[in-house]
Amino acid sequence: MPTAENRVVLTIEEAALRLGIGRTTMYALIKAGQIRTVTIGRLRRVPTFCIDEYVRSLLTNPAPLNRVA
């Protein structure tokens, strides 16, 4: 059985765990269009490369220090 480390798509909860954030924050990032998802049947999944894309975007467009809490 595949583990979360070697699958191509993750559940919202698994993707949040991989980023070290909460589920609610993950849904907010998805709703804001910062992390892309796919729908498979009735299920929403996060492709692992979309998590990598998001992290790369954070490195290229860092938040101003006055906004970091």
Foldseek 3Di string as FASTA:
>chain_A
DDDLVPDQKAALCSLCVVVVHDSVVSVVCPVVVLADWDQDPNGIIGGPVSSVVSVVVCVVDPDPPVPDD
